[in-house]
PDB file of all heavy atoms in Angstrom:
ATOM      1  N   ILE A   1      91.595 115.885 107.669  1.00  0.00           N
ATOM      2  CA  ILE A   1      91.979 116.772 106.565  1.00  0.00           C
ATOM      3  C   ILE A   1      91.940 115.976 105.272  1.00  0.00           C
ATOM      4  O   ILE A   1      92.549 114.905 105.167  1.00  0.00           O
ATOM      5  CB  ILE A   1      93.378 117.355 106.806  1.00  0.00           C
ATOM      6  CG1 ILE A   1      93.378 118.158 108.108  1.00  0.00           C
ATOM      7  CG2 ILE A   1      93.827 118.224 105.644  1.00  0.00           C
ATOM      8  CD1 ILE A   1      94.732 118.413 108.668  1.00  0.00           C
ATOM      9  N   LYS A   2      91.208 116.503 104.302  1.00  0.00           N
ATOM     10  CA  LYS A   2      91.018 115.781 103.037  1.00  0.00           C
ATOM     11  C   LYS A   2      91.509 116.596 101.860  1.00  0.00           C
ATOM     12  O   LYS A   2      91.546 117.828 101.904  1.00  0.00           O
ATOM     13  CB  LYS A   2      89.540 115.424 102.855  1.00  0.00           C
ATOM     14  CG  LYS A   2      89.010 114.497 103.938  1.00  0.00           C
ATOM     15  CD  LYS A   2      87.544 114.158 103.722  1.00  0.00           C
ATOM     16  CE  LYS A   2      87.041 113.209 104.816  1.00  0.00           C
ATOM     17  NZ  LYS A   2      85.603 112.887 104.643  1.00  0.00           N
ATOM     18  N   ASN A   3      91.878 115.887 100.801  1.00  0.00           N
ATOM     19  CA  ASN A   3      92.262 116.538  99.560  1.00  0.00           C
ATOM     20  C   ASN A   3      91.047 117.239  98.970  1.00  0.00           C
ATOM     21  O   ASN A   3      89.992 116.621  98.795  1.00  0.00           O
ATOM     22  CB  ASN A   3      92.804 115.486  98.570  1.00  0.00           C
ATOM     23  CG  ASN A   3      93.325 116.087  97.295  1.00  0.00           C
ATOM     24  OD1 ASN A   3      92.562 116.699  96.537  1.00  0.00           O
ATOM     25  ND2 ASN A   3      94.597 115.901  97.037  1.00  0.00           N
ATOM     26  N   LYS A   4      91.182 118.529  98.685  1.00  0.00           N
ATOM     27  CA  LYS A   4      90.034 119.313  98.219  1.00  0.00           C
ATOM     28  C   LYS A   4      89.511 118.840  96.873  1.00  0.00           C
ATOM     29  O   LYS A   4      88.341 119.021  96.561  1.00  0.00           O
ATOM     30  CB  LYS A   4      90.419 120.789  98.147  1.00  0.00           C
ATOM     31  CG  LYS A   4      90.698 121.407  99.509  1.00  0.00           C
ATOM     32  CD  LYS A   4      91.134 122.851  99.386  1.00  0.00           C
ATOM     33  CE  LYS A   4      91.438 123.444 100.763  1.00  0.00           C
ATOM     34  NZ  LYS A   4      91.939 124.842 100.677  1.00  0.00           N
ATOM     35  N   THR A   5      90.387 118.233  96.082  1.00  0.00           N
ATOM     36  CA  THR A   5      89.979 117.794  94.746  1.00  0.00           C
ATOM     37  C   THR A   5      89.355 116.408  94.760  1.00  0.00           C
ATOM     38  O   THR A   5      88.276 116.183  94.205  1.00  0.00           O
ATOM     39  CB  THR A   5      91.187 117.788  93.789  1.00  0.00           C
ATOM     40  OG1 THR A   5      91.799 119.083  93.798  1.00  0.00           O
ATOM     41  CG2 THR A   5      90.749 117.444  92.366  1.00  0.00           C
ATOM     42  N   THR A   6      90.045 115.459  95.420  1.00  0.00           N
ATOM     43  CA  THR A   6      89.590 114.067  95.390  1.00  0.00           C
ATOM     44  C   THR A   6      88.718 113.675  96.572  1.00  0.00           C
ATOM     45  O   THR A   6      88.006 112.676  96.515  1.00  0.00           O
ATOM     46  CB  THR A   6      90.807 113.122  95.358  1.00  0.00           C
ATOM     47  OG1 THR A   6      91.535 113.267  96.595  1.00  0.00           O
ATOM     48  CG2 THR A   6      91.732 113.461  94.189  1.00  0.00           C
ATOM     49  N   GLY A   7      88.778 114.460  97.659  1.00  0.00           N
ATOM     50  CA  GLY A   7      88.037 114.105  98.861  1.00  0.00           C
ATOM     51  C   GLY A   7      88.696 113.002  99.667  1.00  0.00           C
ATOM     52  O   GLY A   7      88.159 112.552 100.682  1.00  0.00           O
ATOM     53  N   GLU A   8      89.889 112.559  99.254  1.00  0.00           N
ATOM     54  CA  GLU A   8      90.605 111.490  99.961  1.00  0.00           C
ATOM     55  C   GLU A   8      91.317 112.053 101.192  1.00  0.00           C
ATOM     56  O   GLU A   8      91.826 113.168 101.178  1.00  0.00           O
ATOM     57  CB  GLU A   8      91.640 110.865  99.021  1.00  0.00           C
ATOM     58  CG  GLU A   8      92.435 109.741  99.650  1.00  0.00           C
ATOM     59  CD  GLU A   8      93.567 109.247  98.753  1.00  0.00           C
ATOM     60  OE1 GLU A   8      93.773 109.834  97.675  1.00  0.00           O
ATOM     61  OE2 GLU A   8      94.250 108.294  99.150  1.00  0.00           O
ATOM     62  N   SER A   9      91.354 111.268 102.246  1.00  0.00           N
ATOM     63  CA  SER A   9      92.040 111.676 103.473  1.00  0.00           C
ATOM     64  C   SER A   9      93.531 111.878 103.207  1.00  0.00           C
ATOM     65  O   SER A   9      94.155 111.111 102.473  1.00  0.00           O
ATOM     66  CB  SER A   9      91.858 110.620 104.560  1.00  0.00           C
ATOM     67  OG  SER A   9      92.730 110.850 105.650  1.00  0.00           O
ATOM     68  N   LYS A  10      94.099 112.913 103.821  1.00  0.00           N
ATOM     69  CA  LYS A  10      95.541 113.152 103.718  1.00  0.00           C
ATOM     70  C   LYS A  10      96.318 112.398 104.797  1.00  0.00           C
ATOM     71  O   LYS A  10      97.541 112.485 104.863  1.00  0.00           O
ATOM     72  CB  LYS A  10      95.841 114.645 103.857  1.00  0.00           C
ATOM     73  CG  LYS A  10      95.380 115.501 102.681  1.00  0.00           C
ATOM     74  CD  LYS A  10      95.827 116.944 102.885  1.00  0.00           C
ATOM     75  CE  LYS A  10      95.450 117.823 101.702  1.00  0.00           C
ATOM     76  NZ  LYS A  10      95.925 119.227 101.907  1.00  0.00           N
ATOM     77  N   GLY A  11      95.604 111.672 105.657  1.00  0.00           N
ATOM     78  CA  GLY A  11      96.284 110.972 106.740  1.00  0.00           C
ATOM     79  C   GLY A  11      96.625 111.884 107.905  1.00  0.00           C
ATOM     80  O   GLY A  11      97.519 111.599 108.690  1.00  0.00           O
ATOM     81  N   LEU A  12      95.894 113.001 108.027  1.00  0.00           N
ATOM     82  CA  LEU A  12      96.115 113.970 109.096  1.00  0.00           C
ATOM     83  C   LEU A  12      94.764 114.375 109.677  1.00  0.00           C
ATOM     84  O   LEU A  12      93.758 114.381 108.967  1.00  0.00           O
ATOM     85  CB  LEU A  12      96.830 115.216 108.552  1.00  0.00           C
ATOM     86  CG  LEU A  12      98.200 115.005 107.902  1.00  0.00           C
ATOM     87  CD1 LEU A  12      98.634 116.257 107.159  1.00  0.00           C
ATOM     88  CD2 LEU A  12      99.246 114.625 108.931  1.00  0.00           C
ATOM     89  N   GLY A  13      94.750 114.726 110.960  1.00  0.00           N
ATOM     90  CA  GLY A  13      93.475 115.118 111.558  1.00  0.00           C
ATOM     91  C   GLY A  13      93.650 115.994 112.787  1.00  0.00           C
ATOM     92  O   GLY A  13      94.754 116.147 113.323  1.00  0.00           O
ATOM     93  N   TYR A  14      92.538 116.598 113.216  1.00  0.00           N
ATOM     94  CA  TYR A  14      92.496 117.429 114.417  1.00  0.00           C
ATOM     95  C   TYR A  14      91.571 116.781 115.445  1.00  0.00           C
ATOM     96  O   TYR A  14      90.548 116.194 115.083  1.00  0.00           O
ATOM     97  CB  TYR A  14      91.927 118.817 114.107  1.00  0.00           C
ATOM     98  CG  TYR A  14      92.819 119.702 113.281  1.00  0.00           C
ATOM     99  CD1 TYR A  14      92.605 119.850 111.914  1.00  0.00           C
ATOM    100  CD2 TYR A  14      93.860 120.420 113.869  1.00  0.00           C
ATOM    101  CE1 TYR A  14      93.413 120.680 111.152  1.00  0.00           C
ATOM    102  CE2 TYR A  14      94.672 121.252 113.121  1.00  0.00           C
ATOM    103  CZ  TYR A  14      94.447 121.378 111.758  1.00  0.00           C
ATOM    104  OH  TYR A  14      95.251 122.207 111.010  1.00  0.00           O
ATOM    105  N   VAL A  15      91.932 116.906 116.715  1.00  0.00           N
ATOM    106  CA  VAL A  15      91.047 116.508 117.807  1.00  0.00           C
ATOM    107  C   VAL A  15      90.989 117.692 118.767  1.00  0.00           C
ATOM    108  O   VAL A  15      92.028 118.172 119.234  1.00  0.00           O
ATOM    109  CB  VAL A  15      91.562 115.261 118.552  1.00  0.00           C
ATOM    110  CG1 VAL A  15      90.600 114.893 119.681  1.00  0.00           C
ATOM    111  CG2 VAL A  15      91.730 114.085 117.596  1.00  0.00           C
ATOM    112  N   ARG A  16      89.772 118.167 119.059  1.00  0.00           N
ATOM    113  CA  ARG A  16      89.597 119.321 119.945  1.00  0.00           C
ATOM    114  C   ARG A  16      88.982 118.848 121.262  1.00  0.00           C
ATOM    115  O   ARG A  16      87.906 118.246 121.276  1.00  0.00           O
ATOM    116  CB  ARG A  16      88.678 120.346 119.269  1.00  0.00           C
ATOM    117  CG  ARG A  16      88.200 121.481 120.160  1.00  0.00           C
ATOM    118  CD  ARG A  16      89.261 122.557 120.355  1.00  0.00           C
ATOM    119  NE  ARG A  16      88.741 123.642 121.169  1.00  0.00           N
ATOM    120  CZ  ARG A  16      88.051 124.676 120.707  1.00  0.00           C
ATOM    121  NH1 ARG A  16      87.773 124.775 119.417  1.00  0.00           N
ATOM    122  NH2 ARG A  16      87.649 125.625 121.528  1.00  0.00           N
ATOM    123  N   TYR A  17      89.681 119.100 122.369  1.00  0.00           N
ATOM    124  CA  TYR A  17      89.191 118.735 123.694  1.00  0.00           C
ATOM    125  C   TYR A  17      88.564 119.948 124.380  1.00  0.00           C
ATOM    126  O   TYR A  17      88.752 121.087 123.964  1.00  0.00           O
ATOM    127  CB  TYR A  17      90.336 118.195 124.552  1.00  0.00           C
ATOM    128  CG  TYR A  17      90.812 116.822 124.123  1.00  0.00           C
ATOM    129  CD1 TYR A  17      91.891 116.677 123.252  1.00  0.00           C
ATOM    130  CD2 TYR A  17      90.178 115.670 124.579  1.00  0.00           C
ATOM    131  CE1 TYR A  17      92.317 115.417 122.860  1.00  0.00           C
ATOM    132  CE2 TYR A  17      90.603 114.410 124.191  1.00  0.00           C
ATOM    133  CZ  TYR A  17      91.668 114.290 123.325  1.00  0.00           C
ATOM    134  OH  TYR A  17      92.083 113.038 122.928  1.00  0.00           O
ATOM    135  N   LEU A  18      87.831 119.680 125.458  1.00  0.00           N
ATOM    136  CA  LEU A  18      87.212 120.759 126.219  1.00  0.00           C
ATOM    137  C   LEU A  18      88.215 121.442 127.143  1.00  0.00           C
ATOM    138  O   LEU A  18      88.070 122.622 127.456  1.00  0.00           O
ATOM    139  CB  LEU A  18      86.035 120.219 127.041  1.00  0.00           C
ATOM    140  CG  LEU A  18      84.831 119.702 126.239  1.00  0.00           C
ATOM    141  CD1 LEU A  18      83.759 119.194 127.185  1.00  0.00           C
ATOM    142  CD2 LEU A  18      84.276 120.796 125.336  1.00  0.00           C
ATOM    143  N   LYS A  19      89.246 120.713 127.566  1.00  0.00           N
ATOM    144  CA  LYS A  19      90.212 121.270 128.510  1.00  0.00           C
ATOM    145  C   LYS A  19      91.639 121.091 128.003  1.00  0.00           C
ATOM    146  O   LYS A  19      91.958 120.063 127.393  1.00  0.00           O
ATOM    147  CB  LYS A  19      90.083 120.578 129.870  1.00  0.00           C
ATOM    148  CG  LYS A  19      88.737 120.756 130.542  1.00  0.00           C
ATOM    149  CD  LYS A  19      88.710 120.000 131.868  1.00  0.00           C
ATOM    150  CE  LYS A  19      87.358 120.135 132.571  1.00  0.00           C
ATOM    151  NZ  LYS A  19      87.353 119.374 133.840  1.00  0.00           N
ATOM    152  N   PRO A  20      92.519 122.064 128.292  1.00  0.00           N
ATOM    153  CA  PRO A  20      93.930 121.931 127.910  1.00  0.00           C
ATOM    154  C   PRO A  20      94.588 120.702 128.534  1.00  0.00           C
ATOM    155  O   PRO A  20      95.431 120.063 127.910  1.00  0.00           O
ATOM    156  CB  PRO A  20      94.568 123.220 128.443  1.00  0.00           C
ATOM    157  CG  PRO A  20      93.445 124.202 128.506  1.00  0.00           C
ATOM    158  CD  PRO A  20      92.234 123.402 128.866  1.00  0.00           C
ATOM    159  N   SER A  21      94.198 120.367 129.761  1.00  0.00           N
ATOM    160  CA  SER A  21      94.804 119.211 130.433  1.00  0.00           C
ATOM    161  C   SER A  21      94.507 117.923 129.683  1.00  0.00           C
ATOM    162  O   SER A  21      95.322 116.993 129.659  1.00  0.00           O
ATOM    163  CB  SER A  21      94.295 119.100 131.872  1.00  0.00           C
ATOM    164  OG  SER A  21      92.877 118.969 131.898  1.00  0.00           O
ATOM    165  N   GLN A  22      93.330 117.859 129.043  1.00  0.00           N
ATOM    166  CA  GLN A  22      92.969 116.658 128.286  1.00  0.00           C
ATOM    167  C   GLN A  22      93.798 116.550 127.011  1.00  0.00           C
ATOM    168  O   GLN A  22      94.264 115.466 126.639  1.00  0.00           O
ATOM    169  CB  GLN A  22      91.475 116.690 127.965  1.00  0.00           C
ATOM    170  CG  GLN A  22      90.586 116.629 129.204  1.00  0.00           C
ATOM    171  CD  GLN A  22      89.130 116.972 128.911  1.00  0.00           C
ATOM    172  OE1 GLN A  22      88.809 117.570 127.886  1.00  0.00           O
ATOM    173  NE2 GLN A  22      88.248 116.590 129.833  1.00  0.00           N
ATOM    174  N   ALA A  23      94.013 117.684 126.349  1.00  0.00           N
ATOM    175  CA  ALA A  23      94.847 117.696 125.141  1.00  0.00           C
ATOM    176  C   ALA A  23      96.278 117.307 125.494  1.00  0.00           C
ATOM    177  O   ALA A  23      96.932 116.543 124.773  1.00  0.00           O
ATOM    178  CB  ALA A  23      94.804 119.078 124.493  1.00  0.00           C
ATOM    179  N   ALA A  24      96.779 117.841 126.619  1.00  0.00           N
ATOM    180  CA  ALA A  24      98.143 117.524 127.054  1.00  0.00           C
ATOM    181  C   ALA A  24      98.279 116.037 127.362  1.00  0.00           C
ATOM    182  O   ALA A  24      99.283 115.401 127.023  1.00  0.00           O
ATOM    183  CB  ALA A  24      98.500 118.351 128.285  1.00  0.00           C
ATOM    184  N   ARG A  25      97.254 115.476 127.992  1.00  0.00           N
ATOM    185  CA  ARG A  25      97.288 114.044 128.321  1.00  0.00           C
ATOM    186  C   ARG A  25      97.295 113.200 127.050  1.00  0.00           C
ATOM    187  O   ARG A  25      98.010 112.193 126.958  1.00  0.00           O
ATOM    188  CB  ARG A  25      96.081 113.683 129.197  1.00  0.00           C
ATOM    189  CG  ARG A  25      96.097 112.233 129.642  1.00  0.00           C
ATOM    190  CD  ARG A  25      94.853 111.856 130.414  1.00  0.00           C
ATOM    191  NE  ARG A  25      94.833 110.417 130.656  1.00  0.00           N
ATOM    192  CZ  ARG A  25      93.737 109.709 130.888  1.00  0.00           C
ATOM    193  NH1 ARG A  25      92.571 110.309 130.932  1.00  0.00           N
ATOM    194  NH2 ARG A  25      93.802 108.416 131.095  1.00  0.00           N
ATOM    195  N   ALA A  26      96.505 113.599 126.055  1.00  0.00           N
ATOM    196  CA  ALA A  26      96.456 112.859 124.792  1.00  0.00           C
ATOM    197  C   ALA A  26      97.818 112.863 124.112  1.00  0.00           C
ATOM    198  O   ALA A  26      98.288 111.827 123.614  1.00  0.00           O
ATOM    199  CB  ALA A  26      95.398 113.471 123.874  1.00  0.00           C
ATOM    200  N   ILE A  27      98.485 114.018 124.092  1.00  0.00           N
ATOM    201  CA  ILE A  27      99.806 114.116 123.471  1.00  0.00           C
ATOM    202  C   ILE A  27     100.806 113.228 124.201  1.00  0.00           C
ATOM    203  O   ILE A  27     101.623 112.544 123.593  1.00  0.00           O
ATOM    204  CB  ILE A  27     100.283 115.586 123.463  1.00  0.00           C
ATOM    205  CG1 ILE A  27      99.438 116.406 122.486  1.00  0.00           C
ATOM    206  CG2 ILE A  27     101.760 115.685 123.091  1.00  0.00           C
ATOM    207  CD1 ILE A  27      99.697 117.894 122.539  1.00  0.00           C
ATOM    208  N   GLU A  28     100.713 113.231 125.523  1.00  0.00           N
ATOM    209  CA  GLU A  28     101.676 112.481 126.341  1.00  0.00           C
ATOM    210  C   GLU A  28     101.463 110.976 126.263  1.00  0.00           C
ATOM    211  O   GLU A  28     102.418 110.202 126.225  1.00  0.00           O
ATOM    212  CB  GLU A  28     101.560 112.948 127.798  1.00  0.00           C
ATOM    213  CG  GLU A  28     102.513 112.247 128.754  1.00  0.00           C
ATOM    214  CD  GLU A  28     103.953 112.636 128.538  1.00  0.00           C
ATOM    215  OE1 GLU A  28     104.213 113.702 127.955  1.00  0.00           O
ATOM    216  OE2 GLU A  28     104.835 111.863 128.945  1.00  0.00           O
TER     217      GLU A  28
END
């Protein structure tokens, strides 16, 4: 996620997995 004006990273991001079990494992 980037600042729309400056293009600088906000220090936040998304990761999309193919399976819910993989997302759950990443969180854990």
